[in-house]
Amino acid sequence: MFNLLQTQVTNNEGIMVQNGKIYLVMTIVSIILIGLFIYVASIDKKVSQLEK
């Protein structure tokens, strides 16, 4: 049973890497995270200006 599960995981990872979709997913996730960090930094800057 464990061999069957390991085979399925290996095949799924191979399909993602083989088609190049994993790089697209990682690029999109990176862009979203960078956007969130920039948004939080700008909100922090605005709040610190209001505190003064």
PDB file of N, CA and C in Angstrom:
ATOM      1  N   MET A   1       0.833  -1.189   0.000  1.00  0.00           N
ATOM      2  CA  MET A   1       0.000   0.000   0.000  1.00  0.00           C
ATOM      3  C   MET A   1       0.878   1.254   0.000  1.00  0.00           C
ATOM      4  N   PHE A   2       1.938   1.251   0.811  1.00  0.00           N
ATOM      5  CA  PHE A   2       2.803   2.433   0.839  1.00  0.00           C
ATOM      6  C   PHE A   2       3.532   2.621  -0.484  1.00  0.00           C
ATOM      7  N   ASN A   3       3.884   1.526  -1.134  1.00  0.00           N
ATOM      8  CA  ASN A   3       4.534   1.636  -2.434  1.00  0.00           C
ATOM      9  C   ASN A   3       3.599   2.253  -3.463  1.00  0.00           C
ATOM     10  N   LEU A   4       2.336   1.918  -3.401  1.00  0.00           N
ATOM     11  CA  LEU A   4       1.358   2.475  -4.323  1.00  0.00           C
ATOM     12  C   LEU A   4       1.233   3.981  -4.115  1.00  0.00           C
ATOM     13  N   LEU A   5       1.177   4.425  -2.860  1.00  0.00           N
ATOM     14  CA  LEU A   5       1.063   5.853  -2.577  1.00  0.00           C
ATOM     15  C   LEU A   5       2.315   6.602  -3.009  1.00  0.00           C
ATOM     16  N   GLN A   6       3.481   6.018  -2.763  1.00  0.00           N
ATOM     17  CA  GLN A   6       4.719   6.670  -3.166  1.00  0.00           C
ATOM     18  C   GLN A   6       4.820   6.769  -4.673  1.00  0.00           C
ATOM     19  N   THR A   7       4.352   5.773  -5.383  1.00  0.00           N
ATOM     20  CA  THR A   7       4.379   5.793  -6.842  1.00  0.00           C
ATOM     21  C   THR A   7       3.474   6.889  -7.374  1.00  0.00           C
ATOM     22  N   GLN A   8       2.312   7.067  -6.775  1.00  0.00           N
ATOM     23  CA  GLN A   8       1.391   8.109  -7.235  1.00  0.00           C
ATOM     24  C   GLN A   8       1.980   9.493  -6.998  1.00  0.00           C
ATOM     25  N   VAL A   9       2.589   9.716  -5.853  1.00  0.00           N
ATOM     26  CA  VAL A   9       3.183  11.030  -5.564  1.00  0.00           C
ATOM     27  C   VAL A   9       4.313  11.307  -6.538  1.00  0.00           C
ATOM     28  N   THR A  10       5.153  10.327  -6.790  1.00  0.00           N
ATOM     29  CA  THR A  10       6.267  10.498  -7.716  1.00  0.00           C
ATOM     30  C   THR A  10       5.764  10.811  -9.122  1.00  0.00           C
ATOM     31  N   ASN A  11       4.724  10.108  -9.564  1.00  0.00           N
ATOM     32  CA  ASN A  11       4.183  10.368 -10.893  1.00  0.00           C
ATOM     33  C   ASN A  11       3.574  11.753 -10.991  1.00  0.00           C
ATOM     34  N   ASN A  12       2.878  12.204  -9.951  1.00  0.00           N
ATOM     35  CA  ASN A  12       2.282  13.533  -9.971  1.00  0.00           C
ATOM     36  C   ASN A  12       3.359  14.611 -10.008  1.00  0.00           C
ATOM     37  N   GLU A  13       4.420  14.454  -9.243  1.00  0.00           N
ATOM     38  CA  GLU A  13       5.497  15.439  -9.260  1.00  0.00           C
ATOM     39  C   GLU A  13       6.175  15.456 -10.628  1.00  0.00           C
ATOM     40  N   GLY A  14       6.333  14.280 -11.220  1.00  0.00           N
ATOM     41  CA  GLY A  14       6.957  14.207 -12.528  1.00  0.00           C
ATOM     42  C   GLY A  14       6.139  14.916 -13.589  1.00  0.00           C
ATOM     43  N   ILE A  15       4.832  14.800 -13.499  1.00  0.00           N
ATOM     44  CA  ILE A  15       3.959  15.462 -14.473  1.00  0.00           C
ATOM     45  C   ILE A  15       4.064  16.975 -14.341  1.00  0.00           C
ATOM     46  N   MET A  16       4.072  17.485 -13.120  1.00  0.00           N
ATOM     47  CA  MET A  16       4.167  18.932 -12.914  1.00  0.00           C
ATOM     48  C   MET A  16       5.488  19.469 -13.428  1.00  0.00           C
ATOM     49  N   VAL A  17       6.572  18.781 -13.128  1.00  0.00           N
ATOM     50  CA  VAL A  17       7.881  19.251 -13.569  1.00  0.00           C
ATOM     51  C   VAL A  17       8.048  19.043 -15.069  1.00  0.00           C
ATOM     52  N   GLN A  18       7.540  17.940 -15.571  1.00  0.00           N
ATOM     53  CA  GLN A  18       7.694  17.633 -16.987  1.00  0.00           C
ATOM     54  C   GLN A  18       6.979  18.651 -17.862  1.00  0.00           C
ATOM     55  N   ASN A  19       5.818  19.066 -17.477  1.00  0.00           N
ATOM     56  CA  ASN A  19       5.064  20.037 -18.265  1.00  0.00           C
ATOM     57  C   ASN A  19       5.518  21.467 -18.030  1.00  0.00           C
ATOM     58  N   GLY A  20       6.335  21.705 -17.007  1.00  0.00           N
ATOM     59  CA  GLY A  20       6.804  23.044 -16.718  1.00  0.00           C
ATOM     60  C   GLY A  20       5.796  23.876 -15.954  1.00  0.00           C
ATOM     61  N   LYS A  21       4.712  23.272 -15.515  1.00  0.00           N
ATOM     62  CA  LYS A  21       3.681  24.025 -14.803  1.00  0.00           C
ATOM     63  C   LYS A  21       4.133  24.432 -13.412  1.00  0.00           C
ATOM     64  N   ILE A  22       5.048  23.670 -12.816  1.00  0.00           N
ATOM     65  CA  ILE A  22       5.502  24.004 -11.468  1.00  0.00           C
ATOM     66  C   ILE A  22       6.195  25.358 -11.463  1.00  0.00           C
ATOM     67  N   TYR A  23       6.908  25.684 -12.541  1.00  0.00           N
ATOM     68  CA  TYR A  23       7.590  26.973 -12.628  1.00  0.00           C
ATOM     69  C   TYR A  23       6.587  28.105 -12.781  1.00  0.00           C
ATOM     70  N   LEU A  24       5.522  27.872 -13.496  1.00  0.00           N
ATOM     71  CA  LEU A  24       4.473  28.880 -13.643  1.00  0.00           C
ATOM     72  C   LEU A  24       3.788  29.130 -12.307  1.00  0.00           C
ATOM     73  N   VAL A  25       3.485  28.069 -11.580  1.00  0.00           N
ATOM     74  CA  VAL A  25       2.835  28.204 -10.274  1.00  0.00           C
ATOM     75  C   VAL A  25       3.746  28.951  -9.311  1.00  0.00           C
ATOM     76  N   MET A  26       5.027  28.595  -9.287  1.00  0.00           N
ATOM     77  CA  MET A  26       5.961  29.258  -8.378  1.00  0.00           C
ATOM     78  C   MET A  26       6.136  30.731  -8.744  1.00  0.00           C
ATOM     79  N   THR A  27       6.119  31.053 -10.020  1.00  0.00           N
ATOM     80  CA  THR A  27       6.223  32.452 -10.450  1.00  0.00           C
ATOM     81  C   THR A  27       5.013  33.252  -9.990  1.00  0.00           C
ATOM     82  N   ILE A  28       3.832  32.701 -10.161  1.00  0.00           N
ATOM     83  CA  ILE A  28       2.609  33.398  -9.755  1.00  0.00           C
ATOM     84  C   ILE A  28       2.571  33.592  -8.240  1.00  0.00           C
ATOM     85  N   VAL A  29       2.939  32.553  -7.492  1.00  0.00           N
ATOM     86  CA  VAL A  29       2.962  32.659  -6.029  1.00  0.00           C
ATOM     87  C   VAL A  29       3.976  33.710  -5.591  1.00  0.00           C
ATOM     88  N   SER A  30       5.130  33.752  -6.231  1.00  0.00           N
ATOM     89  CA  SER A  30       6.154  34.743  -5.887  1.00  0.00           C
ATOM     90  C   SER A  30       5.667  36.159  -6.156  1.00  0.00           C
ATOM     91  N   ILE A  31       5.007  36.354  -7.288  1.00  0.00           N
ATOM     92  CA  ILE A  31       4.487  37.681  -7.622  1.00  0.00           C
ATOM     93  C   ILE A  31       3.443  38.119  -6.604  1.00  0.00           C
ATOM     94  N   ILE A  32       2.563  37.211  -6.210  1.00  0.00           N
ATOM     95  CA  ILE A  32       1.530  37.548  -5.223  1.00  0.00           C
ATOM     96  C   ILE A  32       2.162  37.902  -3.879  1.00  0.00           C
ATOM     97  N   LEU A  33       3.159  37.120  -3.446  1.00  0.00           N
ATOM     98  CA  LEU A  33       3.809  37.412  -2.169  1.00  0.00           C
ATOM     99  C   LEU A  33       4.555  38.736  -2.196  1.00  0.00           C
ATOM    100  N   ILE A  34       5.241  39.034  -3.279  1.00  0.00           N
ATOM    101  CA  ILE A  34       5.943  40.319  -3.391  1.00  0.00           C
ATOM    102  C   ILE A  34       4.939  41.463  -3.354  1.00  0.00           C
ATOM    103  N   GLY A  35       3.820  41.301  -4.038  1.00  0.00           N
ATOM    104  CA  GLY A  35       2.777  42.336  -4.006  1.00  0.00           C
ATOM    105  C   GLY A  35       2.219  42.550  -2.609  1.00  0.00           C
ATOM    106  N   LEU A  36       2.016  41.460  -1.873  1.00  0.00           N
ATOM    107  CA  LEU A  36       1.519  41.596  -0.502  1.00  0.00           C
ATOM    108  C   LEU A  36       2.518  42.305   0.398  1.00  0.00           C
ATOM    109  N   PHE A  37       3.805  41.972   0.247  1.00  0.00           N
ATOM    110  CA  PHE A  37       4.827  42.640   1.064  1.00  0.00           C
ATOM    111  C   PHE A  37       4.896  44.127   0.753  1.00  0.00           C
ATOM    112  N   ILE A  38       4.792  44.487  -0.524  1.00  0.00           N
ATOM    113  CA  ILE A  38       4.805  45.913  -0.896  1.00  0.00           C
ATOM    114  C   ILE A  38       3.576  46.615  -0.332  1.00  0.00           C
ATOM    115  N   TYR A  39       2.423  45.969  -0.389  1.00  0.00           N
ATOM    116  CA  TYR A  39       1.194  46.557   0.143  1.00  0.00           C
ATOM    117  C   TYR A  39       1.293  46.768   1.651  1.00  0.00           C
ATOM    118  N   VAL A  40       1.795  45.778   2.371  1.00  0.00           N
ATOM    119  CA  VAL A  40       1.926  45.902   3.823  1.00  0.00           C
ATOM    120  C   VAL A  40       2.931  46.992   4.175  1.00  0.00           C
ATOM    121  N   ALA A  41       4.017  47.095   3.410  1.00  0.00           N
ATOM    122  CA  ALA A  41       5.009  48.140   3.672  1.00  0.00           C
ATOM    123  C   ALA A  41       4.411  49.524   3.447  1.00  0.00           C
ATOM    124  N   SER A  42       3.603  49.682   2.407  1.00  0.00           N
ATOM    125  CA  SER A  42       3.004  50.991   2.157  1.00  0.00           C
ATOM    126  C   SER A  42       1.973  51.339   3.240  1.00  0.00           C
ATOM    127  N   ILE A  43       1.198  50.368   3.702  1.00  0.00           N
ATOM    128  CA  ILE A  43       0.238  50.615   4.781  1.00  0.00           C
ATOM    129  C   ILE A  43       0.972  50.984   6.063  1.00  0.00           C
ATOM    130  N   ASP A  44       2.087  50.298   6.340  1.00  0.00           N
ATOM    131  CA  ASP A  44       2.878  50.601   7.530  1.00  0.00           C
ATOM    132  C   ASP A  44       3.430  52.022   7.465  1.00  0.00           C
ATOM    133  N   LYS A  45       3.873  52.435   6.290  1.00  0.00           N
ATOM    134  CA  LYS A  45       4.401  53.791   6.117  1.00  0.00           C
ATOM    135  C   LYS A  45       3.306  54.828   6.358  1.00  0.00           C
ATOM    136  N   LYS A  46       2.104  54.574   5.835  1.00  0.00           N
ATOM    137  CA  LYS A  46       0.998  55.510   6.023  1.00  0.00           C
ATOM    138  C   LYS A  46       0.585  55.598   7.486  1.00  0.00           C
ATOM    139  N   VAL A  47       0.553  54.466   8.172  1.00  0.00           N
ATOM    140  CA  VAL A  47       0.156  54.452   9.587  1.00  0.00           C
ATOM    141  C   VAL A  47       1.190  55.170  10.431  1.00  0.00           C
ATOM    142  N   SER A  48       2.474  54.973  10.110  1.00  0.00           N
ATOM    143  CA  SER A  48       3.520  55.649  10.895  1.00  0.00           C
ATOM    144  C   SER A  48       3.462  57.155  10.683  1.00  0.00           C
ATOM    145  N   GLN A  49       3.079  57.598   9.478  1.00  0.00           N
ATOM    146  CA  GLN A  49       2.920  59.040   9.231  1.00  0.00           C
ATOM    147  C   GLN A  49       1.732  59.584  10.004  1.00  0.00           C
ATOM    148  N   LEU A  50       0.653  58.806  10.123  1.00  0.00           N
ATOM    149  CA  LEU A  50      -0.518  59.257  10.881  1.00  0.00           C
ATOM    150  C   LEU A  50      -0.217  59.327  12.373  1.00  0.00           C
ATOM    151  N   GLU A  51       0.662  58.434  12.858  1.00  0.00           N
ATOM    152  CA  GLU A  51       1.004  58.451  14.277  1.00  0.00           C
ATOM    153  C   GLU A  51       1.774  59.699  14.656  1.00  0.00           C
ATOM    154  N   LYS A  52       2.552  60.229  13.711  1.00  0.00           N
ATOM    155  CA  LYS A  52       3.304  61.457  13.995  1.00  0.00           C
ATOM    156  C   LYS A  52       2.355  62.625  13.979  1.00  0.00           C
TER     157      LYS A  52
END
